[in-house]
N, C-alpha and C. Protein backbone atom coordinates (compact mmCIF):
# COMPACT_ATOMS: atom_id res chain seq x y z
N UNK A 1 0.94 -1.28 0.11
CA UNK A 1 -0.02 -0.08 0.20
C UNK A 1 1.00 1.25 0.27
N UNK A 2 1.97 1.70 1.03
CA UNK A 2 2.79 2.36 0.54
C UNK A 2 3.36 2.47 -0.63
N UNK A 3 3.41 1.37 -1.38
CA UNK A 3 4.71 1.68 -2.66
C UNK A 3 3.41 2.75 -3.60
N UNK A 4 1.92 2.02 -3.48
CA UNK A 4 1.14 2.99 -4.13
C UNK A 4 1.00 3.92 -3.95
N UNK A 5 0.87 4.79 -2.63
CA UNK A 5 0.55 5.97 -2.37
C UNK A 5 1.92 6.82 -2.43
N UNK A 6 3.14 6.44 -2.79
CA UNK A 6 4.62 6.59 -2.60
C UNK A 6 4.66 6.84 -4.50
N UNK A 7 3.89 6.72 -5.11
CA UNK A 7 3.50 6.57 -7.13
C UNK A 7 4.53 5.46 -7.20
N UNK A 8 5.23 4.37 -6.71
CA UNK A 8 5.96 3.52 -7.28
C UNK A 8 4.44 2.13 -7.58
N UNK A 9 4.36 1.84 -8.88
CA UNK A 9 3.30 0.14 -8.88
C UNK A 9 4.30 -1.00 -8.37
N UNK A 10 3.10 -2.05 -8.23
CA UNK A 10 3.39 -2.88 -7.16
C UNK A 10 4.03 -3.98 -8.09
N UNK A 11 5.10 -4.70 -7.93
CA UNK A 11 5.48 -5.52 -9.37
C UNK A 11 3.78 -6.48 -10.00
N UNK A 12 3.40 -6.28 -9.33
CA UNK A 12 2.27 -7.32 -9.56
C UNK A 12 1.33 -6.46 -10.67
N UNK A 13 1.08 -5.57 -10.64
CA UNK A 13 0.52 -4.39 -11.93
C UNK A 13 1.76 -4.17 -12.48
N UNK A 14 3.26 -3.90 -12.54
CA UNK A 14 4.37 -3.99 -13.76
C UNK A 14 3.91 -4.64 -14.92
N UNK A 15 3.79 -6.46 -14.41
CA UNK A 15 3.94 -7.34 -15.09
C UNK A 15 2.86 -7.24 -15.94
N UNK A 16 2.13 -7.28 -15.35
CA UNK A 16 0.37 -7.04 -16.14
C UNK A 16 0.59 -6.34 -17.28
N UNK A 17 0.87 -4.96 -16.76
CA UNK A 17 0.60 -3.98 -17.53
C UNK A 17 1.61 -4.12 -18.65
N UNK A 18 3.14 -4.77 -18.78
CA UNK A 18 3.85 -4.52 -19.94
C UNK A 18 3.66 -5.81 -20.63
N UNK A 19 2.51 -6.32 -20.58
CA UNK A 19 2.39 -7.25 -21.37
C UNK A 19 0.99 -7.24 -22.01
N UNK A 20 -0.07 -5.43 -21.91
CA UNK A 20 -1.31 -5.58 -22.47
C UNK A 20 -0.77 -4.27 -23.50
N UNK A 21 -0.69 -4.32 -24.69
CA UNK A 21 -0.09 -2.88 -25.27
C UNK A 21 -1.28 -1.86 -25.05
N UNK A 22 -2.50 -2.70 -25.13
CA UNK A 22 -3.70 -1.73 -24.95
C UNK A 22 -3.90 -0.58 -23.68
N UNK A 23 -2.56 -1.51 -22.48
CA UNK A 23 -3.21 -0.64 -21.23
C UNK A 23 -1.89 0.24 -21.70
N UNK A 24 -0.78 0.04 -21.87
CA UNK A 24 0.50 0.70 -21.87
C UNK A 24 0.39 2.29 -22.56
N UNK A 25 1.37 3.21 -22.32
CA UNK A 25 1.17 4.91 -23.02
C UNK A 25 2.74 4.11 -23.63
N UNK A 26 3.61 3.59 -23.06
CA UNK A 26 5.11 3.78 -23.59
C UNK A 26 5.28 2.33 -24.59
N UNK A 27 5.14 2.74 -25.79
CA UNK A 27 5.07 1.22 -26.66
C UNK A 27 7.03 0.93 -26.93
N UNK A 28 7.58 -0.16 -27.20
CA UNK A 28 8.27 -0.92 -26.77
C UNK A 28 8.30 -1.54 -28.02
N UNK A 29 8.85 -2.17 -29.09
CA UNK A 29 8.34 -2.32 -30.16
C UNK A 29 9.58 -3.77 -30.78
N UNK A 30 9.34 -5.00 -30.68
CA UNK A 30 10.42 -5.66 -31.83
C UNK A 30 10.04 -5.96 -32.89
N UNK A 31 10.79 -5.87 -33.72
CA UNK A 31 10.95 -6.66 -35.53
C UNK A 31 11.39 -7.88 -35.25
N UNK A 32 11.47 -8.36 -36.07
CA UNK A 32 12.03 -9.96 -36.51
C UNK A 32 11.78 -10.09 -37.76
N UNK A 33 13.09 -10.18 -38.35
CA UNK A 33 12.97 -10.91 -39.90
C UNK A 33 13.64 -12.04 -39.71
N UNK A 34 12.83 -13.29 -39.95
CA UNK A 34 13.26 -14.67 -39.78
C UNK A 34 13.77 -14.77 -40.95
N UNK A 35 14.50 -15.76 -40.43
CA UNK A 35 15.58 -16.97 -41.69
C UNK A 35 16.34 -18.16 -40.66
N UNK A 36 16.59 -19.18 -41.09
CA UNK A 36 16.99 -20.28 -40.22
C UNK A 36 18.60 -19.76 -39.95
N UNK A 37 19.60 -19.21 -41.42
CA UNK A 37 20.74 -19.01 -40.57
C UNK A 37 20.80 -17.95 -40.14
N UNK A 38 19.96 -16.50 -40.18
CA UNK A 38 20.40 -15.46 -39.90
C UNK A 38 18.92 -14.52 -39.26
N UNK A 39 18.17 -14.38 -37.77
CA UNK A 39 17.46 -13.94 -37.79
C UNK A 39 17.61 -12.92 -37.18
N UNK A 40 17.23 -11.47 -37.92
CA UNK A 40 17.58 -10.24 -36.99
C UNK A 40 16.29 -10.22 -35.88
N UNK A 41 16.50 -9.27 -35.23
CA UNK A 41 15.60 -8.97 -34.08
C UNK A 41 16.22 -7.51 -33.82
N UNK A 42 15.25 -6.41 -33.26
CA UNK A 42 15.63 -5.19 -32.93
C UNK A 42 14.58 -4.95 -32.05
N UNK A 43 14.93 -4.17 -30.90
CA UNK A 43 13.74 -3.59 -30.37
C UNK A 43 14.00 -2.17 -29.95
N UNK A 44 12.74 -1.39 -29.97
CA UNK A 44 12.74 0.29 -29.73
C UNK A 44 11.89 0.38 -28.87
N UNK A 45 12.14 1.72 -28.10
CA UNK A 45 11.24 2.13 -27.56
C UNK A 45 10.94 3.55 -27.79
N UNK A 46 10.04 4.39 -27.71
CA UNK A 46 10.10 5.62 -27.52
C UNK A 46 9.87 6.84 -26.67
N UNK A 47 11.17 7.39 -26.66
CA UNK A 47 10.79 8.10 -25.69
C UNK A 47 10.65 9.96 -26.32
N UNK A 48 10.19 10.27 -25.90
CA UNK A 48 9.68 11.42 -26.26
C UNK A 48 9.74 11.61 -27.54
N UNK A 49 8.16 10.92 -28.07
CA UNK A 49 8.42 10.98 -29.84
C UNK A 49 9.73 10.06 -30.70
N UNK A 50 11.17 10.16 -29.66
CA UNK A 50 11.94 10.15 -30.56
C UNK A 50 12.24 8.23 -30.29
N UNK A 51 12.50 7.38 -31.33
CA UNK A 51 12.88 6.10 -31.50
C UNK A 51 14.42 5.92 -30.48
N UNK A 52 14.35 4.84 -29.46
CA UNK A 52 15.84 4.21 -28.95
C UNK A 52 15.84 2.98 -28.98
N UNK A 53 17.15 2.78 -29.61
CA UNK A 53 17.48 1.17 -29.66
C UNK A 53 17.58 0.89 -28.38
N UNK A 54 16.90 -0.48 -27.74
CA UNK A 54 17.43 -0.86 -26.55
C UNK A 54 17.95 -2.45 -26.82
N UNK A 55 17.53 -3.10 -28.19
CA UNK A 55 18.65 -4.41 -28.58
C UNK A 55 18.65 -4.43 -29.71
N UNK A 56 19.83 -4.55 -30.41
CA UNK A 56 19.82 -5.45 -31.97
C UNK A 56 20.72 -6.44 -32.14
N UNK A 57 20.20 -7.31 -33.17
CA UNK A 57 21.12 -8.64 -33.07
C UNK A 57 21.26 -9.61 -34.21
N UNK A 58 21.50 -10.53 -34.75
CA UNK A 58 21.15 -11.58 -35.52
C UNK A 58 21.76 -12.86 -34.75
N UNK A 59 20.63 -13.56 -35.00
CA UNK A 59 20.45 -15.30 -34.11
C UNK A 59 21.28 -15.87 -35.01
N UNK A 60 22.31 -16.19 -35.43
CA UNK A 60 23.09 -17.08 -36.58
C UNK A 60 23.57 -18.15 -35.85
N UNK A 61 23.26 -18.95 -36.84
CA UNK A 61 23.30 -20.56 -36.97
C UNK A 61 23.69 -21.18 -38.00
N UNK A 62 25.36 -21.95 -37.94
CA UNK A 62 26.11 -22.28 -38.35
C UNK A 62 25.12 -23.53 -39.63
N UNK A 63 26.03 -23.62 -40.70
CA UNK A 63 25.70 -24.57 -41.85
C UNK A 63 25.76 -25.68 -41.68
N UNK A 64 26.35 -26.24 -40.83
CA UNK A 64 26.36 -27.58 -40.23
C UNK A 64 25.65 -27.95 -39.15
N UNK A 65 24.84 -27.11 -38.35
CA UNK A 65 23.66 -27.58 -37.78
C UNK A 65 22.43 -27.89 -38.41
N UNK A 66 21.88 -29.31 -37.63
CA UNK A 66 20.61 -29.66 -38.16
C UNK A 66 19.60 -28.47 -37.72
N UNK A 67 18.27 -28.24 -38.97
CA UNK A 67 17.21 -27.40 -38.47
C UNK A 67 16.92 -27.50 -37.49
N UNK A 68 16.81 -28.27 -36.89
CA UNK A 68 15.84 -28.72 -35.63
C UNK A 68 16.84 -27.57 -34.50
N UNK A 69 17.93 -27.81 -34.66
CA UNK A 69 19.03 -27.24 -33.47
C UNK A 69 18.69 -25.36 -34.13
N UNK A 70 18.49 -25.47 -35.07
CA UNK A 70 18.44 -23.75 -34.81
C UNK A 70 17.48 -23.52 -34.80
N UNK A 71 16.39 -23.91 -35.12
CA UNK A 71 14.84 -23.77 -34.83
C UNK A 71 14.67 -23.59 -33.50
N UNK A 72 15.29 -24.08 -32.61
CA UNK A 72 15.54 -23.99 -30.43
C UNK A 72 16.57 -22.51 -30.29
N UNK A 73 17.51 -22.73 -31.01
CA UNK A 73 18.27 -21.65 -30.72
C UNK A 73 17.22 -20.32 -31.54
N UNK A 74 16.75 -20.21 -32.29
CA UNK A 74 16.24 -19.53 -32.36
C UNK A 74 15.01 -18.76 -31.56
N UNK A 75 14.32 -19.69 -31.15
CA UNK A 75 13.07 -19.67 -30.55
C UNK A 75 13.21 -19.11 -28.66
N UNK A 76 14.85 -20.28 -28.22
CA UNK A 76 15.58 -19.80 -27.32
C UNK A 76 15.67 -18.21 -27.03
N UNK A 77 16.31 -17.94 -27.82
CA UNK A 77 17.01 -16.50 -27.79
C UNK A 77 16.09 -15.60 -27.95
N UNK A 78 15.18 -15.86 -28.74
CA UNK A 78 13.51 -14.68 -28.44
C UNK A 78 13.65 -14.39 -27.27
N UNK A 79 12.83 -15.54 -26.20
CA UNK A 79 12.16 -15.92 -25.34
C UNK A 79 13.53 -15.23 -24.52
N UNK A 80 14.39 -15.49 -24.78
CA UNK A 80 15.59 -14.52 -23.64
C UNK A 80 15.11 -12.92 -23.76
N UNK A 81 15.40 -12.29 -25.15
CA UNK A 81 15.33 -11.42 -25.88
C UNK A 81 13.88 -10.60 -24.65
N UNK A 82 12.80 -10.96 -24.89
CA UNK A 82 11.51 -10.97 -24.20
C UNK A 82 11.48 -10.67 -23.24
N UNK A 83 11.84 -11.22 -22.51
CA UNK A 83 12.37 -11.31 -20.99
C UNK A 83 13.03 -10.33 -20.39
N UNK A 84 13.72 -10.04 -21.23
CA UNK A 84 14.76 -8.92 -20.65
C UNK A 84 14.12 -7.62 -21.07
N UNK A 85 13.73 -7.38 -22.31
CA UNK A 85 13.53 -6.25 -22.49
C UNK A 85 11.43 -5.75 -23.12
N UNK A 86 10.72 -6.95 -22.60
CA UNK A 86 9.25 -6.75 -22.45
C UNK A 86 8.48 -5.94 -23.22
N UNK A 87 8.79 -6.01 -24.63
CA UNK A 87 8.04 -5.68 -25.71
C UNK A 87 6.98 -5.38 -25.74
N UNK A 88 5.83 -4.19 -25.78
CA UNK A 88 4.11 -4.51 -26.18
C UNK A 88 3.63 -4.86 -27.14
N UNK A 89 4.50 -5.09 -28.02
CA UNK A 89 3.71 -5.60 -29.57
C UNK A 89 5.63 -5.85 -30.52
N UNK A 90 5.29 -6.87 -31.49
CA UNK A 90 5.81 -7.46 -32.01
C UNK A 90 5.47 -7.51 -33.71
N UNK A 91 6.40 -6.97 -34.70
CA UNK A 91 6.23 -6.89 -35.81
C UNK A 91 6.92 -7.68 -36.34
N UNK A 92 6.91 -8.81 -37.97
CA UNK A 92 7.58 -9.34 -38.84
C UNK A 92 7.13 -9.30 -40.05
N UNK A 93 8.43 -9.77 -40.55
CA UNK A 93 8.53 -9.38 -42.27
C UNK A 93 7.18 -9.96 -42.81
N UNK A 94 6.83 -10.08 -43.40
CA UNK A 94 5.67 -10.77 -44.34
C UNK A 94 5.88 -11.74 -44.89
N UNK A 95 5.20 -12.68 -45.17
CA UNK A 95 5.50 -14.00 -46.40
C UNK A 95 5.55 -13.19 -47.77
N UNK A 96 6.45 -13.99 -48.20
CA UNK A 96 7.07 -13.81 -49.66
C UNK A 96 6.82 -15.23 -49.85
N UNK A 97 6.47 -15.16 -52.01
CA UNK A 97 6.25 -16.32 -52.25
C UNK A 97 7.85 -16.74 -53.00
N UNK A 98 8.35 -17.70 -52.66
CA UNK A 98 9.80 -18.39 -52.96
C UNK A 98 9.39 -19.12 -54.42
N UNK A 99 10.63 -18.89 -55.05
CA UNK A 99 10.40 -20.34 -56.18
C UNK A 99 10.77 -21.28 -55.70
N UNK A 100 11.44 -21.57 -55.16
CA UNK A 100 11.94 -23.08 -54.41
C UNK A 100 10.93 -22.95 -52.98
N UNK A 101 10.13 -24.18 -53.37
CA UNK A 101 9.88 -24.63 -52.66
C UNK A 101 10.41 -25.23 -51.44
N UNK A 102 11.10 -25.55 -51.20
CA UNK A 102 12.31 -26.21 -49.84
C UNK A 102 12.46 -24.71 -49.59
N UNK A 103 13.18 -23.61 -50.09
CA UNK A 103 13.29 -22.47 -49.49
C UNK A 103 12.27 -22.28 -48.54
N UNK A 104 11.00 -21.91 -49.57
CA UNK A 104 9.87 -21.79 -48.49
C UNK A 104 9.74 -22.73 -47.28
N UNK A 105 9.70 -23.52 -47.37
CA UNK A 105 9.61 -24.13 -46.22
C UNK A 105 10.53 -24.22 -45.38
N UNK A 106 11.79 -24.24 -45.32
CA UNK A 106 12.93 -23.53 -44.04
C UNK A 106 12.39 -21.99 -43.87
N UNK A 107 12.00 -21.37 -44.43
CA UNK A 107 12.04 -19.59 -44.19
C UNK A 107 10.19 -20.22 -43.15
N UNK A 108 10.03 -21.05 -43.59
CA UNK A 108 8.03 -20.73 -42.90
C UNK A 108 8.39 -21.53 -41.33
N UNK A 109 9.38 -22.68 -41.20
CA UNK A 109 10.03 -23.11 -40.03
C UNK A 109 10.29 -22.01 -39.21
N UNK A 110 11.46 -21.35 -39.79
CA UNK A 110 12.00 -20.10 -38.93
C UNK A 110 11.07 -19.17 -38.64
N UNK A 111 10.46 -18.48 -39.42
CA UNK A 111 9.34 -18.11 -39.15
C UNK A 111 8.11 -18.62 -37.36
N UNK A 112 7.85 -19.87 -38.02
CA UNK A 112 7.28 -20.46 -37.22
C UNK A 112 8.34 -20.06 -35.88
N UNK A 113 9.04 -20.95 -35.69
CA UNK A 113 9.77 -20.76 -34.51
C UNK A 113 10.03 -19.77 -34.05
N UNK A 114 9.92 -18.76 -34.34
CA UNK A 114 9.72 -17.33 -33.72
C UNK A 114 8.26 -16.58 -33.21
N UNK A 115 7.68 -17.01 -34.35
CA UNK A 115 6.07 -16.28 -33.79
C UNK A 115 5.70 -17.11 -32.84
N UNK A 116 6.01 -18.58 -32.37
CA UNK A 116 5.51 -19.55 -31.50
C UNK A 116 6.02 -18.64 -30.27
N UNK A 117 7.34 -18.17 -30.16
CA UNK A 117 7.92 -17.79 -29.11
C UNK A 117 7.65 -16.11 -29.18
N UNK A 118 7.36 -15.66 -29.73
CA UNK A 118 6.47 -14.47 -29.73
C UNK A 118 4.80 -14.73 -28.87
N UNK A 119 3.98 -15.73 -29.76
CA UNK A 119 2.51 -15.55 -28.83
C UNK A 119 2.70 -16.40 -27.70
N UNK A 120 3.78 -16.81 -27.07
CA UNK A 120 3.80 -17.64 -25.82
C UNK A 120 3.74 -16.57 -25.04
N UNK A 121 4.71 -15.49 -25.30
CA UNK A 121 4.49 -14.05 -24.73
C UNK A 121 3.11 -13.30 -24.23
N UNK A 122 2.79 -13.66 -25.20
CA UNK A 122 0.90 -12.63 -25.38
C UNK A 122 1.55 -11.82 -25.84
N UNK A 123 2.56 -11.61 -26.72
CA UNK A 123 2.13 -10.33 -27.69
C UNK A 123 1.56 -10.22 -28.44
N UNK A 124 0.99 -8.57 -29.27
CA UNK A 124 -0.03 -8.84 -30.65
C UNK A 124 1.47 -8.68 -31.67
N UNK A 125 0.93 -9.72 -32.88
CA UNK A 125 1.73 -9.99 -33.72
C UNK A 125 1.15 -9.40 -35.20
N UNK A 126 1.95 -8.41 -35.74
CA UNK A 126 1.43 -8.05 -37.39
C UNK A 126 2.35 -8.19 -37.90
N UNK A 127 2.13 -8.57 -39.08
CA UNK A 127 3.04 -8.63 -40.27
C UNK A 127 2.81 -7.42 -41.47
N UNK A 128 4.46 -7.06 -41.76
CA UNK A 128 4.31 -6.04 -43.10
C UNK A 128 5.06 -6.39 -43.88
N UNK A 129 4.38 -6.50 -45.61
CA UNK A 129 5.40 -6.67 -46.59
C UNK A 129 6.57 -5.81 -46.83
N UNK A 130 7.81 -6.36 -47.22
CA UNK A 130 9.03 -5.95 -47.08
C UNK A 130 8.86 -4.61 -47.78
N UNK A 131 8.46 -4.97 -49.38
CA UNK A 131 8.16 -3.09 -49.87
C UNK A 131 7.34 -2.26 -49.20
N UNK A 132 6.64 -2.83 -48.59
CA UNK A 132 6.31 -1.48 -47.62
C UNK A 132 7.33 -0.86 -46.47
N UNK A 133 7.92 -2.02 -45.56
CA UNK A 133 9.02 -1.61 -45.28
C UNK A 133 10.32 -0.68 -45.97
N UNK A 134 10.39 -0.95 -46.95
CA UNK A 134 10.98 -0.29 -47.30
C UNK A 134 10.87 1.28 -48.35
N UNK A 135 9.24 0.94 -48.56
CA UNK A 135 8.81 1.85 -48.59
C UNK A 135 8.93 3.05 -47.66
N UNK A 136 8.16 2.74 -46.30
CA UNK A 136 8.02 3.26 -44.99
C UNK A 136 9.25 4.22 -44.82
N UNK A 137 10.90 3.50 -44.88
CA UNK A 137 11.75 3.79 -44.09
C UNK A 137 12.46 4.48 -45.01
N UNK A 138 12.84 3.86 -46.65
CA UNK A 138 13.86 4.87 -47.43
C UNK A 138 12.98 5.92 -48.38
N UNK A 139 11.46 5.68 -48.84
CA UNK A 139 10.54 6.21 -49.36
C UNK A 139 10.13 5.71 -50.78
N UNK A 140 11.28 4.09 -50.97
CA UNK A 140 10.69 3.96 -52.52
C UNK A 140 11.32 1.83 -51.99
N UNK A 141 10.13 1.19 -52.77
CA UNK A 141 9.65 -0.28 -52.10
C UNK A 141 10.35 -1.29 -52.92
N UNK A 142 11.40 -0.39 -53.87
CA UNK A 142 12.58 -1.55 -54.46
C UNK A 142 13.85 -1.22 -53.84
N UNK A 143 14.00 -0.52 -52.42
CA UNK A 143 15.19 -0.29 -51.98
C UNK A 143 16.14 -1.05 -51.86
N UNK A 144 17.59 -0.52 -52.08
CA UNK A 144 18.40 -1.98 -51.62
C UNK A 144 18.87 -2.23 -50.43
N UNK A 145 19.05 -3.40 -49.63
CA UNK A 145 19.19 -3.77 -48.36
C UNK A 145 19.98 -2.40 -47.83
N UNK A 146 21.22 -2.09 -48.19
CA UNK A 146 22.22 -1.00 -47.86
C UNK A 146 21.72 0.24 -48.02
N UNK A 147 20.40 0.64 -48.15
CA UNK A 147 20.13 2.21 -48.29
C UNK A 147 18.84 1.83 -47.04
N UNK A 148 18.46 0.63 -46.92
CA UNK A 148 17.15 0.58 -46.04
C UNK A 148 18.35 0.36 -44.29
N UNK A 149 19.72 -0.22 -44.24
CA UNK A 149 20.48 0.15 -43.25
C UNK A 149 21.03 1.24 -42.91
N UNK A 150 21.49 2.08 -44.16
CA UNK A 150 21.76 3.46 -43.53
C UNK A 150 20.89 4.08 -43.50
N UNK A 151 19.62 4.35 -43.99
CA UNK A 151 18.63 5.31 -43.15
C UNK A 151 18.04 4.54 -42.18
N UNK A 152 18.32 3.26 -41.67
CA UNK A 152 17.71 2.70 -39.93
C UNK A 152 19.17 3.37 -39.28
N UNK A 153 20.25 3.37 -39.71
CA UNK A 153 21.04 4.10 -38.78
C UNK A 153 20.98 5.55 -38.71
N UNK A 154 20.79 6.34 -39.54
CA UNK A 154 20.41 7.52 -39.62
C UNK A 154 19.09 7.77 -38.70
N UNK A 155 17.49 7.31 -38.72
CA UNK A 155 16.71 7.19 -38.20
C UNK A 155 17.11 7.09 -36.56
N UNK A 156 17.48 6.17 -35.74
CA UNK A 156 18.00 6.10 -34.84
C UNK A 156 19.24 6.21 -33.93
N UNK A 157 19.81 7.53 -35.33
CA UNK A 157 20.80 7.97 -34.23
C UNK A 157 22.27 6.85 -34.08
N UNK A 158 21.98 5.89 -35.04
CA UNK A 158 22.77 5.10 -34.38
C UNK A 158 24.86 5.23 -35.22
N UNK A 159 25.54 4.70 -33.90
CA UNK A 159 26.98 5.14 -34.17
C UNK A 159 27.79 4.52 -35.37
N UNK A 160 26.91 3.02 -35.84
CA UNK A 160 27.76 2.19 -36.62
C UNK A 160 26.65 1.63 -37.22
N UNK A 161 26.48 1.24 -38.51
CA UNK A 161 25.84 0.37 -39.47
C UNK A 161 25.23 -0.69 -38.86
N UNK A 162 24.02 -0.66 -38.72
CA UNK A 162 23.73 -2.57 -38.08
C UNK A 162 23.96 -3.18 -39.22
N UNK A 163 24.04 -4.73 -38.81
CA UNK A 163 24.01 -5.48 -39.56
C UNK A 163 23.08 -5.84 -40.29
N UNK A 164 22.98 -6.53 -41.76
CA UNK A 164 22.26 -6.70 -42.50
C UNK A 164 20.46 -7.05 -41.92
N UNK A 165 20.32 -8.33 -40.97
CA UNK A 165 19.49 -8.98 -40.61
C UNK A 165 18.62 -7.75 -39.74
N UNK A 166 20.19 -7.61 -38.58
CA UNK A 166 19.47 -6.56 -37.54
C UNK A 166 18.62 -5.77 -37.89
N UNK A 167 19.08 -4.77 -38.86
CA UNK A 167 18.77 -3.62 -40.03
C UNK A 167 17.19 -3.47 -40.23
N UNK A 168 16.77 -4.76 -41.23
CA UNK A 168 15.98 -5.12 -41.54
C UNK A 168 14.83 -5.23 -40.45
N UNK A 169 15.13 -6.00 -39.13
CA UNK A 169 14.52 -5.97 -38.10
C UNK A 169 13.80 -4.64 -37.63
N UNK A 170 14.77 -3.28 -37.62
CA UNK A 170 14.33 -2.37 -36.82
C UNK A 170 13.72 -1.60 -37.99
N UNK A 171 14.00 -2.32 -39.64
CA UNK A 171 13.42 -1.23 -39.96
C UNK A 171 11.42 -1.70 -40.17
N UNK A 172 11.80 -3.21 -39.33
CA UNK A 172 10.18 -3.35 -39.22
C UNK A 172 9.28 -2.64 -38.38
N UNK A 173 10.52 -2.46 -36.96
CA UNK A 173 9.43 -1.69 -35.78
C UNK A 173 9.47 -0.44 -36.17
N UNK A 174 10.32 0.35 -37.07
CA UNK A 174 9.94 1.87 -37.37
C UNK A 174 8.70 1.78 -38.07
N UNK A 175 9.00 1.20 -39.36
CA UNK A 175 7.39 1.45 -39.81
C UNK A 175 6.54 0.90 -39.07
N UNK A 176 6.51 0.18 -38.22
CA UNK A 176 5.07 -0.35 -37.97
C UNK A 176 4.73 0.86 -36.84
N UNK A 177 5.89 1.66 -36.05
CA UNK A 177 5.42 2.94 -35.59
C UNK A 177 4.82 3.88 -36.73
N UNK A 178 5.61 3.98 -37.05
CA UNK A 178 5.29 5.12 -38.22
C UNK A 178 3.98 4.67 -38.95
N UNK A 179 3.48 3.42 -39.08
CA UNK A 179 2.11 3.01 -39.73
C UNK A 179 1.07 3.36 -38.71
N UNK A 180 1.20 2.98 -37.33
CA UNK A 180 0.27 3.27 -36.40
C UNK A 180 0.42 5.00 -35.89
N UNK A 181 1.20 6.05 -36.62
CA UNK A 181 1.33 7.45 -35.83
C UNK A 181 0.12 8.03 -37.37
N UNK A 182 -0.05 7.24 -38.28
CA UNK A 182 -0.85 8.02 -39.44
C UNK A 182 -2.45 7.09 -39.36
N UNK A 183 -2.79 7.54 -37.65
CA UNK A 183 -4.39 7.12 -37.78
C UNK A 183 -4.64 5.42 -38.88
N UNK A 184 -3.73 4.89 -38.82
CA UNK A 184 -4.01 3.57 -39.30
C UNK A 184 -3.52 3.53 -41.05
N UNK A 185 -3.27 4.88 -41.62
CA UNK A 185 -2.95 4.87 -43.17
C UNK A 185 -1.93 3.46 -43.14
N UNK A 186 -2.16 2.35 -44.44
CA UNK A 186 -1.47 1.13 -44.79
C UNK A 186 -1.15 0.47 -42.82
N UNK A 187 -2.31 0.36 -42.41
CA UNK A 187 -2.08 -0.32 -41.52
C UNK A 187 -1.50 -1.81 -41.07
N UNK A 188 -0.82 -2.31 -40.26
CA UNK A 188 0.17 -3.77 -40.75
C UNK A 188 -1.17 -4.77 -40.61
N UNK A 189 -0.96 -5.41 -41.22
CA UNK A 189 -1.87 -6.46 -40.86
C UNK A 189 -1.83 -7.81 -39.30
N UNK A 190 -2.64 -7.54 -38.48
CA UNK A 190 -2.42 -8.42 -37.27
C UNK A 190 -2.66 -9.76 -37.53
N UNK A 191 -1.52 -10.56 -37.23
CA UNK A 191 -1.78 -11.60 -37.09
C UNK A 191 -1.49 -12.84 -36.31
């Protein structure tokens, strides 16, 4: 009771509020760019309407690892990131149609491992098509990966260029935030 009167929320209240995006005024967004050998992730928070990077990285798996081992690493690493940074919403790269069926299945498995970890944490999950992310970040839907990475570096005031997969994940998070700030124009698809 003293904590509540002193303005400090009890731990039970904090744990509940951080998991329900509709109750939280501060948005912490995790972007995920899934891939079996290099899943990118980026976590941003908005402070005074300016995005700040909390975490970014690539979940790398060597080529000699079995797929099941990679999927377990993707899932576990994302659970650790979720636990540490407590994001309120997740955005993943939208599905694309691969010409190679085997590649599409493997990409789907990596996406599934990531989404299962996110869904288990209770976050709302949205997807945005790659072209829409590039359009939102660079202004051109067919922009090269390096152009996206440079714009992400500029928008987030990063000292170094982020790794390609992490840059894509950060771009997803930024695009989601921009889409939500425009009164639902081009709103991302909730899945």
